[in-house]
Amino acid sequence: MPAIDHETSLSTLVAGVTAGHLSPSEVVAGALDRLDRTEPDIQAWVRVDRTGALESARQLDAAPLGGLLHGIPFGVKDIIDVRGLPTECGSPLRRGRVADSDAPLIARLRRLGAIPLGKTVTTEFAYFAPGPTRNPHGLSHTPGGSSSGSAAAVAAGVVPLALGSQTAGSLTRPAAYCGVAGLVAAVGGPLDTAGFVGLSHRLDAVGLLTQTVADLRLAYLAMTGADRLPDPVGPPEHPKLAVWSGTELAEISGDMREALTRTADDAVANGAVLVDIDWPTLTPRLVESHATVMGYEACRALAEEGTHPEQLSAPLNDLLTHGRSITAQDYRRALSEAEQARAGILDLLTDVDAILGPAAPGVAPKGLGATGSPVLSRPWQLLGLPALTVPGHRDGQGMPLGLQLLGHPDRMERLFALGHALETAARAVQTIRPIAIHSARDIPDHVPLARRELPKIKPA
């Protein structure tokens, strides 16, 4: 089973290159060696730019130390343009379409000294039809989707950083299933999706995948303009966490419920206060609105592809057909509901430090024909919140269980601090014992609870 290889973590590699103990060529050669050893089983990569990566590394060997990610190889989900490489989106309709320029995010990473190693597997147009990628923790299990290859490549230790995206649950779910840390950037925030082949301009968001939350923080700060890594801030002394069980949206496994319980218990033992919210009055409506916005915009974003239904999967054809049936009035109503709910949640997150809940209903399901359910990400993606997938828990068979933290887009350092603290506690005890929890009210009585109401969504 893959475990954190601290020798290949982003923080360790950055420190090694900065101190002069590692050269960019040595880092890239190590990544290619691990790729060669793992790829026959995992199949995370669509295309490896071996020659380009080694040449970029040799140039950086002779250059002065540049940005924070000098000499660091990274993977790129194959919906994102990289100059000189095809962007094929997991579809025959895009086969051989070579990008003539970098997406702005890729250009930014190059300026930081990072080196694209190649393109990673995506589901078809970042929707449901899976590619060949397998979960490094269990080859008969899905890695999730749609950022399948990026999550698996990081979990296998091939690259310390990979780019993905999320429109529904495309980053959070693979991160949880593959046991890595994931960040879905805030929609409309400093990381934008220009140069991505998207599904929904109001929902699409940049995703980052690394081995740990600390590595996510390093990557995010570098990519948003930090010229040096500031010392991390600690979590609040008495953080407030709004606990969300997700049971109103999906059947949550006993292992996942226990992981949530244990995390809440550990947080309280360290001074946290849990806030009780009436989630069932809010989240099902948000899921419905998310489906409306996604369908309406996807059938327009992929209008050309929709004229070739015989070359699209059944799930994608169903999405486009559904989108064409949505009226402009229904679309505007969904956007209005999203705007109203976002205002209420942002108000909550000025008082509460984060929302804590499951990132997926359970561990990665067996089988490679489907990628699991994204329903636990849909409400928050509609609201455009930054979402942090926190790794560390495992079930009795060693399969990863990921939790998610939702935070305020203006308080990213606090979100990273809380995520790091929860990850550290989770990794201290790798397996869990099954008990039942269905809502915050089912957490043991010694856990302090505060009551916080959200404004009700009014029909538009």
Protein backbone atom coordinates (compact mmCIF):
# COMPACT_ATOMS: atom_id res chain seq x y z
CA MET A 1 0.00 0.00 0.00
CA PRO A 2 1.35 3.46 -0.85
CA ALA A 3 2.21 5.60 2.14
CA ILE A 4 3.68 9.07 2.35
CA ASP A 5 7.21 8.94 0.99
CA HIS A 6 8.65 12.02 2.61
CA GLU A 7 11.63 11.84 0.28
CA THR A 8 9.28 12.60 -2.63
CA SER A 9 6.94 15.08 -0.91
CA LEU A 10 6.78 18.59 -2.31
CA SER A 11 8.17 20.20 0.85
CA THR A 12 11.16 17.84 0.98
CA LEU A 13 12.00 18.24 -2.70
CA VAL A 14 11.71 22.03 -2.54
CA ALA A 15 13.99 22.09 0.52
CA GLY A 16 16.50 19.78 -1.18
CA VAL A 17 16.71 21.87 -4.34
CA THR A 18 16.85 25.13 -2.38
CA ALA A 19 19.71 23.85 -0.23
CA GLY A 20 21.59 22.54 -3.25
CA HIS A 21 21.36 18.90 -2.17
CA LEU A 22 19.29 18.01 -5.25
CA SER A 23 19.45 19.28 -8.82
CA PRO A 24 16.37 19.68 -11.02
CA SER A 25 17.74 16.90 -13.25
CA GLU A 26 17.97 14.54 -10.29
CA VAL A 27 14.41 15.36 -9.21
CA VAL A 28 12.97 14.83 -12.70
CA ALA A 29 14.98 11.65 -13.25
CA GLY A 30 13.62 10.29 -9.97
CA ALA A 31 10.07 11.08 -11.02
CA LEU A 32 10.55 9.33 -14.37
CA ASP A 33 12.03 6.28 -12.65
CA ARG A 34 9.03 6.01 -10.32
CA LEU A 35 6.69 6.51 -13.28
CA ASP A 36 8.34 3.67 -15.18
CA ARG A 37 7.96 1.36 -12.17
CA THR A 38 4.34 2.19 -11.34
CA GLU A 39 2.70 3.07 -14.65
CA PRO A 40 2.16 -0.50 -15.92
CA ASP A 41 -0.17 -1.10 -12.97
CA ILE A 42 -1.67 2.34 -12.32
CA GLN A 43 -2.01 3.82 -15.83
CA ALA A 44 -2.24 7.40 -14.63
CA TRP A 45 -0.61 9.10 -17.63
CA VAL A 46 -1.92 9.85 -21.12
CA ARG A 47 1.37 11.29 -22.35
CA VAL A 48 4.79 11.72 -20.73
CA ASP A 49 6.97 14.52 -22.08
CA ARG A 50 10.19 12.78 -21.10
CA THR A 51 12.43 14.68 -23.49
CA GLY A 52 10.93 18.07 -22.73
CA ALA A 53 11.04 17.57 -18.96
CA LEU A 54 14.68 16.43 -18.95
CA GLU A 55 15.71 19.33 -21.19
CA SER A 56 13.89 21.85 -18.96
CA ALA A 57 15.60 20.33 -15.93
CA ARG A 58 19.05 20.61 -17.55
CA GLN A 59 18.43 24.28 -18.29
CA LEU A 60 17.40 24.89 -14.69
CA ASP A 61 20.50 23.05 -13.42
CA ALA A 62 22.62 25.81 -14.93
CA ALA A 63 20.31 28.67 -13.93
CA PRO A 64 20.27 30.61 -10.66
CA LEU A 65 17.70 29.43 -8.13
CA GLY A 66 14.43 30.90 -9.31
CA GLY A 67 10.89 30.61 -7.94
CA LEU A 68 9.67 28.54 -5.01
CA LEU A 69 9.05 25.48 -7.21
CA HIS A 70 12.43 25.49 -9.00
CA GLY A 71 12.99 22.09 -10.61
CA ILE A 72 9.77 20.49 -9.33
CA PRO A 73 7.97 18.17 -11.79
CA PHE A 74 4.17 18.22 -11.88
CA GLY A 75 1.33 16.41 -13.63
CA VAL A 76 -1.38 18.12 -15.67
CA LYS A 77 -4.93 16.86 -16.10
CA ASP A 78 -5.59 16.38 -19.80
CA ILE A 79 -8.20 19.12 -20.05
CA ILE A 80 -5.54 21.81 -19.44
CA ASP A 81 -3.42 23.26 -22.25
CA VAL A 82 0.34 22.69 -22.17
CA ARG A 83 2.23 24.20 -25.07
CA GLY A 84 3.22 21.58 -27.64
CA LEU A 85 1.19 18.74 -26.08
CA PRO A 86 -2.27 17.50 -27.10
CA THR A 87 -5.28 18.36 -24.95
CA GLU A 88 -7.50 15.36 -25.67
CA CYS A 89 -9.97 15.44 -22.75
CA GLY A 90 -10.37 11.66 -22.70
CA SER A 91 -12.36 11.80 -25.94
CA PRO A 92 -11.73 10.74 -29.56
CA LEU A 93 -13.28 14.06 -30.60
CA ARG A 94 -10.17 15.89 -29.33
CA ARG A 95 -7.55 13.36 -30.41
CA GLY A 96 -4.36 15.02 -31.66
CA ARG A 97 -5.40 18.60 -30.88
CA VAL A 98 -2.09 20.15 -29.86
CA ALA A 99 -2.10 23.29 -27.70
CA ASP A 100 -0.15 26.18 -29.20
CA SER A 101 0.19 27.98 -25.85
CA ASP A 102 0.18 27.27 -22.13
CA ALA A 103 -2.87 27.83 -19.97
CA PRO A 104 -2.06 30.83 -17.71
CA LEU A 105 -1.76 28.49 -14.72
CA ILE A 106 0.87 26.40 -16.54
CA ALA A 107 2.75 29.56 -17.53
CA ARG A 108 2.69 30.67 -13.90
CA LEU A 109 4.12 27.34 -12.75
CA ARG A 110 6.89 27.55 -15.37
CA ARG A 111 7.82 31.01 -14.06
CA LEU A 112 8.12 29.43 -10.60
CA GLY A 113 10.59 26.92 -12.03
CA ALA A 114 8.19 23.95 -12.11
CA ILE A 115 8.40 21.43 -14.94
CA PRO A 116 5.37 19.74 -16.55
CA LEU A 117 6.11 16.02 -16.71
CA GLY A 118 3.13 15.24 -18.93
CA LYS A 119 -0.63 14.88 -19.13
CA THR A 120 -2.65 12.73 -16.72
CA VAL A 121 -5.78 10.72 -17.40
CA THR A 122 -9.14 12.46 -17.15
CA THR A 123 -12.61 11.04 -17.53
CA GLU A 124 -14.31 12.02 -20.79
CA PHE A 125 -14.58 15.83 -20.82
CA ALA A 126 -14.16 15.75 -17.02
CA TYR A 127 -17.53 14.03 -16.56
CA PHE A 128 -18.29 10.39 -15.65
CA ALA A 129 -16.94 7.98 -18.31
CA PRO A 130 -13.70 6.65 -16.75
CA GLY A 131 -10.29 6.11 -18.27
CA PRO A 132 -7.95 3.20 -17.49
CA THR A 133 -6.46 4.55 -14.24
CA ARG A 134 -6.41 2.33 -11.15
CA ASN A 135 -6.27 3.24 -7.48
CA PRO A 136 -2.71 2.81 -6.14
CA HIS A 137 -4.12 1.57 -2.81
CA GLY A 138 -6.08 -1.24 -4.48
CA LEU A 139 -5.78 -1.87 -8.21
CA SER A 140 -9.31 -3.27 -8.41
CA HIS A 141 -10.76 -0.03 -7.01
CA THR A 142 -11.61 3.19 -8.84
CA PRO A 143 -9.33 6.20 -8.29
CA GLY A 144 -12.40 8.42 -8.59
CA GLY A 145 -12.93 11.04 -11.24
CA SER A 146 -12.58 13.15 -13.13
CA SER A 147 -9.05 14.05 -11.94
CA SER A 148 -8.24 10.34 -11.87
CA GLY A 149 -4.70 10.32 -13.21
CA SER A 150 -3.58 13.36 -11.24
CA ALA A 151 -4.68 11.88 -7.91
CA ALA A 152 -3.19 8.46 -8.70
CA ALA A 153 0.12 9.96 -9.87
CA VAL A 154 0.53 11.82 -6.58
CA ALA A 155 -0.59 8.82 -4.50
CA ALA A 156 1.98 6.64 -6.29
CA GLY A 157 4.74 9.13 -5.48
CA VAL A 158 5.51 9.86 -9.14
CA VAL A 159 5.03 13.63 -8.86
CA PRO A 160 4.72 15.75 -5.71
CA LEU A 161 2.13 18.03 -7.32
CA ALA A 162 -0.57 17.57 -9.93
CA LEU A 163 -3.25 19.82 -11.36
CA GLY A 164 -6.87 18.84 -11.60
CA SER A 165 -10.23 20.56 -11.75
CA GLN A 166 -13.66 20.33 -10.19
CA THR A 167 -17.14 21.06 -11.51
CA ALA A 168 -19.06 18.66 -9.23
CA GLY A 169 -16.77 16.31 -7.25
CA SER A 170 -13.91 15.85 -9.72
CA LEU A 171 -11.05 16.70 -7.35
CA THR A 172 -12.37 16.07 -3.86
CA ARG A 173 -13.46 12.49 -4.59
CA PRO A 174 -10.21 11.31 -6.26
CA ALA A 175 -8.17 12.91 -3.48
CA ALA A 176 -10.24 11.07 -0.86
CA TYR A 177 -10.17 7.74 -2.70
CA CYS A 178 -6.42 7.89 -3.37
CA GLY A 179 -5.46 9.11 0.11
CA VAL A 180 -3.88 12.42 -0.88
CA ALA A 181 -4.50 16.05 0.01
CA GLY A 182 -6.61 18.07 -2.40
CA LEU A 183 -7.56 21.71 -2.74
CA VAL A 184 -10.45 22.96 -4.82
CA ALA A 185 -9.72 26.65 -5.25
CA ALA A 186 -12.48 29.18 -4.75
CA VAL A 187 -14.44 29.87 -7.93
CA GLY A 188 -13.49 33.34 -9.08
CA GLY A 189 -10.41 33.35 -6.84
CA PRO A 190 -6.76 33.95 -7.74
CA LEU A 191 -6.41 30.62 -9.60
CA ASP A 192 -8.52 30.74 -12.75
CA THR A 193 -9.47 28.15 -15.34
CA ALA A 194 -8.43 29.97 -18.51
CA GLY A 195 -6.93 27.40 -20.88
CA PHE A 196 -9.06 24.59 -19.41
CA VAL A 197 -11.69 22.71 -21.42
CA GLY A 198 -14.57 23.23 -19.05
CA LEU A 199 -18.13 22.09 -18.46
CA SER A 200 -19.61 25.04 -16.59
CA HIS A 201 -18.06 28.48 -16.30
CA ARG A 202 -19.91 29.20 -13.05
CA LEU A 203 -18.84 25.92 -11.42
CA ASP A 204 -15.44 24.99 -12.87
CA ALA A 205 -12.55 25.44 -10.43
CA VAL A 206 -8.82 24.73 -10.33
CA GLY A 207 -7.72 21.76 -8.24
CA LEU A 208 -4.34 20.95 -6.67
CA LEU A 209 -3.21 17.55 -5.41
CA THR A 210 -0.22 16.84 -3.14
CA GLN A 211 0.74 14.27 -0.52
CA THR A 212 -0.06 16.45 2.50
CA VAL A 213 -1.97 19.58 3.47
CA ALA A 214 1.35 21.33 4.23
CA ASP A 215 2.40 20.65 0.64
CA LEU A 216 -0.89 22.06 -0.63
CA ARG A 217 -0.23 25.26 1.29
CA LEU A 218 3.24 25.55 -0.24
CA ALA A 219 1.92 25.08 -3.77
CA TYR A 220 -1.03 27.43 -3.30
CA LEU A 221 1.04 30.25 -1.80
CA ALA A 222 3.66 29.92 -4.52
CA MET A 223 1.02 29.97 -7.24
CA THR A 224 -0.74 32.99 -5.76
CA GLY A 225 2.35 35.17 -5.65
CA ALA A 226 4.41 34.43 -2.54
CA ASP A 227 8.13 34.89 -3.22
CA ARG A 228 8.99 33.01 -0.04
CA LEU A 229 7.07 30.62 2.16
CA PRO A 230 5.90 32.38 5.34
CA ASP A 231 5.86 30.48 8.60
CA PRO A 232 2.57 28.61 8.96
CA VAL A 233 0.00 30.02 11.32
CA GLY A 234 -1.45 27.74 13.96
CA PRO A 235 -5.14 26.90 14.13
CA PRO A 236 -7.33 29.05 16.37
CA GLU A 237 -7.06 28.13 20.04
CA HIS A 238 -10.77 27.30 20.20
CA PRO A 239 -11.89 26.78 16.59
CA LYS A 240 -15.55 26.51 15.74
CA LEU A 241 -16.40 23.67 13.36
CA ALA A 242 -19.81 23.19 11.78
CA VAL A 243 -20.11 19.40 11.57
CA TRP A 244 -21.93 18.03 8.54
CA SER A 245 -22.63 14.29 8.29
CA GLY A 246 -23.88 14.25 4.68
CA THR A 247 -26.48 11.60 5.48
CA GLU A 248 -29.32 13.65 3.99
CA LEU A 249 -27.61 13.29 0.59
CA ALA A 250 -26.06 9.82 0.57
CA GLU A 251 -25.68 6.59 2.49
CA ILE A 252 -22.50 7.20 4.47
CA SER A 253 -20.49 4.10 5.34
CA GLY A 254 -19.87 3.15 8.95
CA ASP A 255 -16.13 3.62 8.44
CA MET A 256 -16.63 7.15 7.15
CA ARG A 257 -19.03 8.02 9.96
CA GLU A 258 -16.45 6.82 12.46
CA ALA A 259 -13.70 8.83 10.79
CA LEU A 260 -15.85 11.94 11.13
CA THR A 261 -16.66 11.11 14.75
CA ARG A 262 -13.04 10.52 15.64
CA THR A 263 -11.96 13.74 13.97
CA ALA A 264 -14.62 15.74 15.79
CA ASP A 265 -13.69 14.05 19.07
CA ASP A 266 -10.00 14.85 18.60
CA ALA A 267 -10.81 18.43 17.70
CA VAL A 268 -12.90 18.89 20.83
CA ALA A 269 -10.15 17.37 22.95
CA ASN A 270 -7.92 20.12 21.62
CA GLY A 271 -10.35 22.93 22.38
CA ALA A 272 -12.73 23.04 19.41
CA VAL A 273 -16.42 23.88 19.68
CA LEU A 274 -18.82 22.10 17.33
CA VAL A 275 -21.65 24.06 15.76
CA ASP A 276 -24.93 22.32 14.93
CA ILE A 277 -26.65 23.25 11.65
CA ASP A 278 -29.94 22.04 10.21
CA TRP A 279 -28.30 20.88 6.98
CA PRO A 280 -31.28 18.93 5.50
CA THR A 281 -33.15 22.19 4.96
CA LEU A 282 -30.30 23.47 2.78
CA THR A 283 -28.13 20.92 1.01
CA PRO A 284 -30.72 18.93 -1.03
CA ARG A 285 -31.91 22.16 -2.65
CA LEU A 286 -28.31 23.09 -3.43
CA VAL A 287 -27.72 19.72 -5.10
CA GLU A 288 -30.75 20.29 -7.32
CA SER A 289 -29.60 23.80 -8.22
CA HIS A 290 -26.10 22.53 -8.96
CA ALA A 291 -27.50 19.96 -11.40
CA THR A 292 -29.53 22.67 -13.12
CA VAL A 293 -26.59 25.06 -13.53
CA MET A 294 -24.21 22.30 -14.63
CA GLY A 295 -26.59 20.82 -17.18
CA TYR A 296 -27.61 24.17 -18.66
CA GLU A 297 -24.03 25.35 -19.08
CA ALA A 298 -22.50 22.01 -20.12
CA CYS A 299 -24.75 21.58 -23.15
CA ARG A 300 -23.62 25.01 -24.31
CA ALA A 301 -19.93 24.55 -23.50
CA LEU A 302 -19.93 21.26 -25.45
CA ALA A 303 -22.38 22.30 -28.15
CA GLU A 304 -20.05 21.23 -30.97
CA GLU A 305 -19.30 17.88 -29.35
CA GLY A 306 -23.01 17.35 -28.81
CA THR A 307 -23.48 17.16 -32.57
CA HIS A 308 -21.53 13.87 -32.52
CA PRO A 309 -23.51 11.81 -29.98
CA GLU A 310 -22.23 8.55 -31.43
CA GLN A 311 -18.74 9.48 -30.21
CA LEU A 312 -19.85 10.42 -26.69
CA SER A 313 -20.56 8.16 -23.73
CA ALA A 314 -24.11 7.52 -22.56
CA PRO A 315 -23.65 9.55 -19.33
CA LEU A 316 -22.36 12.58 -21.22
CA ASN A 317 -25.14 12.35 -23.81
CA ASP A 318 -27.65 12.18 -20.94
CA LEU A 319 -26.14 15.32 -19.36
CA LEU A 320 -26.30 17.26 -22.62
CA THR A 321 -29.86 16.10 -23.31
CA HIS A 322 -30.91 17.13 -19.81
CA GLY A 323 -29.21 20.48 -20.24
CA ARG A 324 -31.14 21.23 -23.41
CA SER A 325 -34.41 20.68 -21.53
CA ILE A 326 -33.62 23.27 -18.85
CA THR A 327 -35.32 26.61 -19.40
CA ALA A 328 -33.60 29.95 -18.98
CA GLN A 329 -36.06 30.68 -16.17
CA ASP A 330 -35.06 27.51 -14.29
CA TYR A 331 -31.40 28.37 -14.79
CA ARG A 332 -31.85 31.90 -13.44
CA ARG A 333 -33.81 30.51 -10.48
CA ALA A 334 -30.96 28.12 -9.65
CA LEU A 335 -28.43 30.96 -9.83
CA SER A 336 -30.59 33.06 -7.54
CA GLU A 337 -30.83 30.25 -5.00
CA ALA A 338 -27.07 29.78 -5.17
CA GLU A 339 -26.43 33.48 -4.59
CA GLN A 340 -28.77 33.56 -1.59
CA ALA A 341 -27.30 30.42 -0.05
CA ARG A 342 -23.73 31.61 -0.63
CA ALA A 343 -24.44 34.80 1.28
CA GLY A 344 -25.76 32.76 4.20
CA ILE A 345 -22.80 30.35 4.21
CA LEU A 346 -20.24 33.15 3.97
CA ASP A 347 -21.97 34.81 6.91
CA LEU A 348 -21.70 31.50 8.79
CA LEU A 349 -18.01 31.24 7.90
CA THR A 350 -17.28 34.65 9.39
CA ASP A 351 -18.27 33.16 12.74
CA VAL A 352 -17.39 29.48 12.19
CA ASP A 353 -13.85 28.57 11.14
CA ALA A 354 -14.79 25.72 8.78
CA ILE A 355 -17.41 23.16 7.82
CA LEU A 356 -16.22 19.60 8.47
CA GLY A 357 -17.75 16.63 6.69
CA PRO A 358 -17.07 13.53 4.61
CA ALA A 359 -15.38 13.99 1.24
CA ALA A 360 -17.06 10.86 -0.17
CA PRO A 361 -19.62 8.35 1.10
CA GLY A 362 -16.86 5.85 1.92
CA VAL A 363 -13.71 4.31 0.51
CA ALA A 364 -13.20 3.94 -3.24
CA PRO A 365 -15.70 1.40 -4.59
CA LYS A 366 -14.44 -1.76 -6.26
CA GLY A 367 -14.53 -1.83 -10.04
CA LEU A 368 -13.17 0.45 -12.77
CA GLY A 369 -16.39 1.01 -14.70
CA ALA A 370 -17.57 3.96 -12.60
CA THR A 371 -15.92 6.67 -10.51
CA GLY A 372 -18.20 6.96 -7.47
CA SER A 373 -20.72 9.59 -6.45
CA PRO A 374 -19.89 13.33 -6.41
CA VAL A 375 -23.01 14.29 -4.45
CA LEU A 376 -21.14 15.32 -1.28
CA SER A 377 -19.28 18.02 -3.21
CA ARG A 378 -22.17 19.40 -5.25
CA PRO A 379 -23.63 21.82 -2.65
CA TRP A 380 -20.29 23.47 -1.94
CA GLN A 381 -19.19 23.65 -5.56
CA LEU A 382 -22.39 25.51 -6.37
CA LEU A 383 -21.41 28.06 -3.71
CA GLY A 384 -17.85 28.37 -5.04
CA LEU A 385 -16.19 27.66 -1.69
CA PRO A 386 -12.58 26.51 -1.29
CA ALA A 387 -12.64 22.83 -0.33
CA LEU A 388 -9.76 21.03 1.36
CA THR A 389 -9.60 17.22 1.26
CA VAL A 390 -7.86 16.02 4.41
CA PRO A 391 -6.20 12.58 4.18
CA GLY A 392 -5.03 10.29 6.96
CA HIS A 393 -7.85 7.96 7.95
CA ARG A 394 -8.09 4.38 6.61
CA ASP A 395 -10.56 1.57 6.97
CA GLY A 396 -9.69 -1.87 8.32
CA GLN A 397 -8.41 -3.01 4.89
CA GLY A 398 -6.08 -0.03 4.57
CA MET A 399 -8.14 1.88 2.02
CA PRO A 400 -8.10 5.68 2.41
CA LEU A 401 -10.95 7.70 3.88
CA GLY A 402 -10.91 11.43 3.17
CA LEU A 403 -12.70 14.21 5.00
CA GLN A 404 -13.34 17.67 3.66
CA LEU A 405 -13.08 21.13 5.16
CA LEU A 406 -14.97 24.04 3.60
CA GLY A 407 -13.73 27.48 4.46
CA HIS A 408 -14.09 31.19 3.74
CA PRO A 409 -12.21 32.19 0.55
CA ASP A 410 -10.62 35.13 2.40
CA ARG A 411 -9.24 32.90 5.19
CA MET A 412 -7.10 30.39 3.36
CA GLU A 413 -4.30 30.31 5.94
CA ARG A 414 -6.81 29.38 8.63
CA LEU A 415 -8.20 26.62 6.42
CA PHE A 416 -4.72 25.18 5.82
CA ALA A 417 -3.90 25.36 9.53
CA LEU A 418 -7.04 23.47 10.51
CA GLY A 419 -6.52 20.93 7.74
CA HIS A 420 -2.93 20.28 8.82
CA ALA A 421 -3.99 19.78 12.45
CA LEU A 422 -6.75 17.35 11.50
CA GLU A 423 -4.46 15.43 9.14
CA THR A 424 -1.81 15.08 11.84
CA ALA A 425 -4.37 13.68 14.27
CA ALA A 426 -5.77 11.29 11.64
CA ARG A 427 -2.38 9.89 10.69
CA ALA A 428 -1.64 9.16 14.34
CA VAL A 429 -4.30 6.42 14.20
CA GLN A 430 -4.49 4.91 10.71
CA THR A 431 -7.44 2.52 11.11
CA ILE A 432 -10.86 3.10 12.61
CA ARG A 433 -13.47 1.19 14.60
CA PRO A 434 -17.08 1.12 13.35
CA ILE A 435 -19.73 3.05 15.27
CA ALA A 436 -22.72 5.03 14.04
CA ILE A 437 -23.12 8.78 13.63
CA HIS A 438 -25.87 10.40 11.62
CA SER A 439 -25.63 14.05 12.58
CA ALA A 440 -23.85 16.38 14.92
CA ARG A 441 -26.46 15.51 17.52
CA ASP A 442 -25.18 11.92 17.61
CA ILE A 443 -21.68 12.93 18.69
CA PRO A 444 -21.04 11.94 22.33
CA ASP A 445 -22.49 14.24 24.97
CA HIS A 446 -19.14 15.56 26.20
CA VAL A 447 -18.62 17.37 22.88
CA PRO A 448 -19.63 21.03 23.26
CA LEU A 449 -22.21 22.12 20.70
CA ALA A 450 -23.39 25.59 19.75
CA ARG A 451 -26.53 26.17 17.72
CA ARG A 452 -26.38 28.26 14.55
CA GLU A 453 -29.28 28.75 12.15
CA LEU A 454 -28.90 29.48 8.46
CA PRO A 455 -31.31 31.67 6.52
CA LYS A 456 -33.84 29.64 4.55
CA ILE A 457 -33.65 29.72 0.76
CA LYS A 458 -36.68 31.50 -0.65
CA PRO A 459 -38.03 30.49 -4.06
CA ALA A 460 -36.97 32.99 -6.72
